[in-house]
Amino acid sequence: MTKMLRDVIERVRQWPEERQDMAAQVLLDLEAQQASRHHLTAEQIAEVQRIQRQVRDGTAAYASDEQMAAFWKKCGL
């Protein structure tokens, strides 16, 4: 176990139980991702990071309600 993980776990022990369960769920999700056969390529990771930056910066473009309605109609829904 790394020193960083050991230090964080020691601090997490002081958190309320509900918050500890949330931290545990994050670790379980990471574990499931590690076991997954599906992994993002470096390009896909870069694209996700780019979109996350746009969302944080407020520059992301979102589909309008009309565009979404047309999309769902095209999908037969």
N, C-alpha and C. Protein backbone atom coordinates (compact mmCIF):
# COMPACT_ATOMS: atom_id res chain seq x y z
N MET A 1 0.85 -1.18 0.00
CA MET A 1 0.00 0.00 0.00
C MET A 1 0.89 1.24 0.00
N THR A 2 0.53 2.21 -0.82
CA THR A 2 1.34 3.42 -0.89
C THR A 2 1.12 4.28 0.35
N LYS A 3 2.08 5.16 0.61
CA LYS A 3 1.97 6.07 1.75
C LYS A 3 0.77 6.99 1.58
N MET A 4 0.55 7.47 0.36
CA MET A 4 -0.58 8.37 0.11
C MET A 4 -1.90 7.69 0.46
N LEU A 5 -2.09 6.46 -0.01
CA LEU A 5 -3.33 5.74 0.27
C LEU A 5 -3.46 5.47 1.76
N ARG A 6 -2.39 5.07 2.40
CA ARG A 6 -2.40 4.80 3.83
C ARG A 6 -2.81 6.06 4.61
N ASP A 7 -2.25 7.22 4.23
CA ASP A 7 -2.57 8.48 4.91
C ASP A 7 -4.04 8.87 4.72
N VAL A 8 -4.54 8.69 3.50
CA VAL A 8 -5.93 9.04 3.22
C VAL A 8 -6.87 8.12 3.99
N ILE A 9 -6.58 6.85 3.99
CA ILE A 9 -7.44 5.90 4.70
C ILE A 9 -7.47 6.23 6.19
N GLU A 10 -6.36 6.63 6.74
CA GLU A 10 -6.32 7.00 8.15
C GLU A 10 -7.23 8.19 8.42
N ARG A 11 -7.24 9.18 7.52
CA ARG A 11 -8.12 10.33 7.70
C ARG A 11 -9.58 9.95 7.50
N VAL A 12 -9.84 9.08 6.52
CA VAL A 12 -11.21 8.65 6.23
C VAL A 12 -11.83 7.94 7.44
N ARG A 13 -11.01 7.28 8.23
CA ARG A 13 -11.52 6.59 9.43
C ARG A 13 -12.23 7.54 10.38
N GLN A 14 -11.92 8.82 10.29
CA GLN A 14 -12.51 9.83 11.17
C GLN A 14 -13.80 10.42 10.61
N TRP A 15 -14.12 10.11 9.37
CA TRP A 15 -15.32 10.64 8.73
C TRP A 15 -16.57 9.97 9.29
N PRO A 16 -17.74 10.59 9.13
CA PRO A 16 -19.00 9.94 9.48
C PRO A 16 -19.19 8.67 8.63
N GLU A 17 -19.90 7.71 9.18
CA GLU A 17 -20.08 6.42 8.50
C GLU A 17 -20.64 6.56 7.09
N GLU A 18 -21.61 7.45 6.91
CA GLU A 18 -22.21 7.63 5.58
C GLU A 18 -21.15 8.07 4.57
N ARG A 19 -20.28 8.98 4.99
CA ARG A 19 -19.21 9.47 4.11
C ARG A 19 -18.20 8.36 3.85
N GLN A 20 -17.91 7.54 4.85
CA GLN A 20 -17.00 6.40 4.66
C GLN A 20 -17.56 5.44 3.62
N ASP A 21 -18.88 5.20 3.68
CA ASP A 21 -19.51 4.32 2.70
C ASP A 21 -19.40 4.89 1.29
N MET A 22 -19.51 6.21 1.17
CA MET A 22 -19.36 6.85 -0.13
C MET A 22 -17.93 6.65 -0.66
N ALA A 23 -16.95 6.80 0.21
CA ALA A 23 -15.55 6.60 -0.18
C ALA A 23 -15.33 5.15 -0.60
N ALA A 24 -15.91 4.24 0.15
CA ALA A 24 -15.77 2.82 -0.18
C ALA A 24 -16.39 2.53 -1.54
N GLN A 25 -17.53 3.15 -1.84
CA GLN A 25 -18.18 2.93 -3.14
C GLN A 25 -17.31 3.41 -4.28
N VAL A 26 -16.62 4.53 -4.08
CA VAL A 26 -15.70 5.03 -5.12
C VAL A 26 -14.61 3.99 -5.38
N LEU A 27 -14.06 3.43 -4.32
CA LEU A 27 -13.02 2.41 -4.48
C LEU A 27 -13.58 1.15 -5.15
N LEU A 28 -14.80 0.76 -4.78
CA LEU A 28 -15.42 -0.40 -5.42
C LEU A 28 -15.64 -0.14 -6.91
N ASP A 29 -16.04 1.07 -7.25
CA ASP A 29 -16.23 1.43 -8.67
C ASP A 29 -14.90 1.36 -9.42
N LEU A 30 -13.84 1.86 -8.80
CA LEU A 30 -12.52 1.78 -9.43
C LEU A 30 -12.10 0.32 -9.62
N GLU A 31 -12.38 -0.49 -8.63
CA GLU A 31 -12.04 -1.91 -8.73
C GLU A 31 -12.80 -2.57 -9.88
N ALA A 32 -14.08 -2.24 -10.02
CA ALA A 32 -14.88 -2.81 -11.11
C ALA A 32 -14.36 -2.36 -12.46
N GLN A 33 -13.94 -1.09 -12.55
CA GLN A 33 -13.38 -0.60 -13.80
C GLN A 33 -12.10 -1.34 -14.14
N GLN A 34 -11.29 -1.61 -13.15
CA GLN A 34 -10.02 -2.32 -13.37
C GLN A 34 -10.27 -3.72 -13.93
N ALA A 35 -11.36 -4.35 -13.44
CA ALA A 35 -11.67 -5.71 -13.87
C ALA A 35 -12.40 -5.74 -15.21
N SER A 36 -12.86 -4.59 -15.67
CA SER A 36 -13.63 -4.53 -16.91
C SER A 36 -12.76 -4.85 -18.12
N ARG A 37 -13.38 -5.45 -19.10
CA ARG A 37 -12.69 -5.72 -20.36
C ARG A 37 -12.66 -4.49 -21.24
N HIS A 38 -13.45 -3.49 -20.88
CA HIS A 38 -13.58 -2.28 -21.69
C HIS A 38 -12.74 -1.16 -21.10
N HIS A 39 -11.85 -0.61 -21.88
CA HIS A 39 -11.00 0.48 -21.42
C HIS A 39 -10.97 1.57 -22.48
N LEU A 40 -10.94 2.82 -22.02
CA LEU A 40 -10.87 3.93 -22.95
C LEU A 40 -9.47 4.04 -23.54
N THR A 41 -9.41 4.46 -24.78
CA THR A 41 -8.11 4.73 -25.40
C THR A 41 -7.60 6.08 -24.87
N ALA A 42 -6.35 6.36 -25.12
CA ALA A 42 -5.77 7.64 -24.71
C ALA A 42 -6.54 8.79 -25.35
N GLU A 43 -6.95 8.62 -26.59
CA GLU A 43 -7.71 9.66 -27.29
C GLU A 43 -9.08 9.87 -26.64
N GLN A 44 -9.74 8.78 -26.26
CA GLN A 44 -11.04 8.89 -25.61
C GLN A 44 -10.91 9.57 -24.25
N ILE A 45 -9.88 9.25 -23.52
CA ILE A 45 -9.64 9.88 -22.22
C ILE A 45 -9.42 11.38 -22.40
N ALA A 46 -8.63 11.75 -23.39
CA ALA A 46 -8.38 13.16 -23.67
C ALA A 46 -9.69 13.88 -24.03
N GLU A 47 -10.56 13.22 -24.79
CA GLU A 47 -11.84 13.82 -25.18
C GLU A 47 -12.73 14.02 -23.95
N VAL A 48 -12.78 13.04 -23.08
CA VAL A 48 -13.56 13.18 -21.84
C VAL A 48 -13.03 14.34 -21.01
N GLN A 49 -11.71 14.43 -20.87
CA GLN A 49 -11.11 15.52 -20.10
C GLN A 49 -11.41 16.88 -20.73
N ARG A 50 -11.39 16.95 -22.06
CA ARG A 50 -11.70 18.19 -22.76
C ARG A 50 -13.13 18.62 -22.47
N ILE A 51 -14.06 17.68 -22.55
CA ILE A 51 -15.46 18.00 -22.29
C ILE A 51 -15.66 18.40 -20.83
N GLN A 52 -14.99 17.72 -19.91
CA GLN A 52 -15.10 18.09 -18.49
C GLN A 52 -14.62 19.52 -18.27
N ARG A 53 -13.53 19.90 -18.93
CA ARG A 53 -13.03 21.28 -18.82
C ARG A 53 -14.07 22.27 -19.34
N GLN A 54 -14.69 21.94 -20.47
CA GLN A 54 -15.70 22.82 -21.04
C GLN A 54 -16.89 22.98 -20.10
N VAL A 55 -17.30 21.89 -19.47
CA VAL A 55 -18.42 21.95 -18.53
C VAL A 55 -18.04 22.85 -17.35
N ARG A 56 -16.84 22.65 -16.81
CA ARG A 56 -16.39 23.47 -15.68
C ARG A 56 -16.28 24.94 -16.07
N ASP A 57 -15.78 25.21 -17.27
CA ASP A 57 -15.58 26.58 -17.73
C ASP A 57 -16.87 27.25 -18.21
N GLY A 58 -17.92 26.45 -18.36
CA GLY A 58 -19.18 27.00 -18.85
C GLY A 58 -19.21 27.21 -20.35
N THR A 59 -18.30 26.57 -21.07
CA THR A 59 -18.24 26.75 -22.53
C THR A 59 -18.77 25.53 -23.29
N ALA A 60 -19.29 24.54 -22.56
CA ALA A 60 -19.81 23.34 -23.21
C ALA A 60 -21.11 23.67 -23.95
N ALA A 61 -21.29 23.07 -25.11
CA ALA A 61 -22.52 23.25 -25.88
C ALA A 61 -23.45 22.08 -25.59
N TYR A 62 -24.67 22.40 -25.24
CA TYR A 62 -25.66 21.37 -24.94
C TYR A 62 -26.72 21.34 -26.03
N ALA A 63 -27.30 20.17 -26.24
CA ALA A 63 -28.38 20.05 -27.21
C ALA A 63 -29.63 20.74 -26.66
N SER A 64 -30.37 21.38 -27.55
CA SER A 64 -31.62 22.03 -27.15
C SER A 64 -32.68 20.95 -26.94
N ASP A 65 -33.79 21.35 -26.32
CA ASP A 65 -34.90 20.41 -26.14
C ASP A 65 -35.40 19.90 -27.48
N GLU A 66 -35.42 20.79 -28.47
CA GLU A 66 -35.89 20.41 -29.80
C GLU A 66 -34.94 19.39 -30.44
N GLN A 67 -33.65 19.62 -30.29
CA GLN A 67 -32.67 18.68 -30.84
C GLN A 67 -32.78 17.31 -30.16
N MET A 68 -33.00 17.32 -28.86
CA MET A 68 -33.14 16.04 -28.15
C MET A 68 -34.42 15.32 -28.56
N ALA A 69 -35.49 16.07 -28.72
CA ALA A 69 -36.75 15.46 -29.16
C ALA A 69 -36.58 14.82 -30.53
N ALA A 70 -35.88 15.50 -31.44
CA ALA A 70 -35.64 14.96 -32.77
C ALA A 70 -34.76 13.71 -32.69
N PHE A 71 -33.78 13.73 -31.81
CA PHE A 71 -32.90 12.58 -31.64
C PHE A 71 -33.69 11.37 -31.15
N TRP A 72 -34.51 11.56 -30.11
CA TRP A 72 -35.28 10.43 -29.56
C TRP A 72 -36.29 9.93 -30.59
N LYS A 73 -36.86 10.85 -31.36
CA LYS A 73 -37.80 10.42 -32.41
C LYS A 73 -37.09 9.57 -33.43
N LYS A 74 -35.89 9.98 -33.83
CA LYS A 74 -35.08 9.23 -34.79
C LYS A 74 -34.76 7.83 -34.26
N CYS A 75 -34.60 7.73 -32.93
CA CYS A 75 -34.31 6.43 -32.28
C CYS A 75 -35.56 5.60 -32.09
N GLY A 76 -36.71 6.17 -32.43
CA GLY A 76 -37.96 5.43 -32.29
C GLY A 76 -38.53 5.48 -30.90
N LEU A 77 -38.10 6.45 -30.12
CA LEU A 77 -38.59 6.57 -28.74
C LEU A 77 -39.42 7.82 -28.54
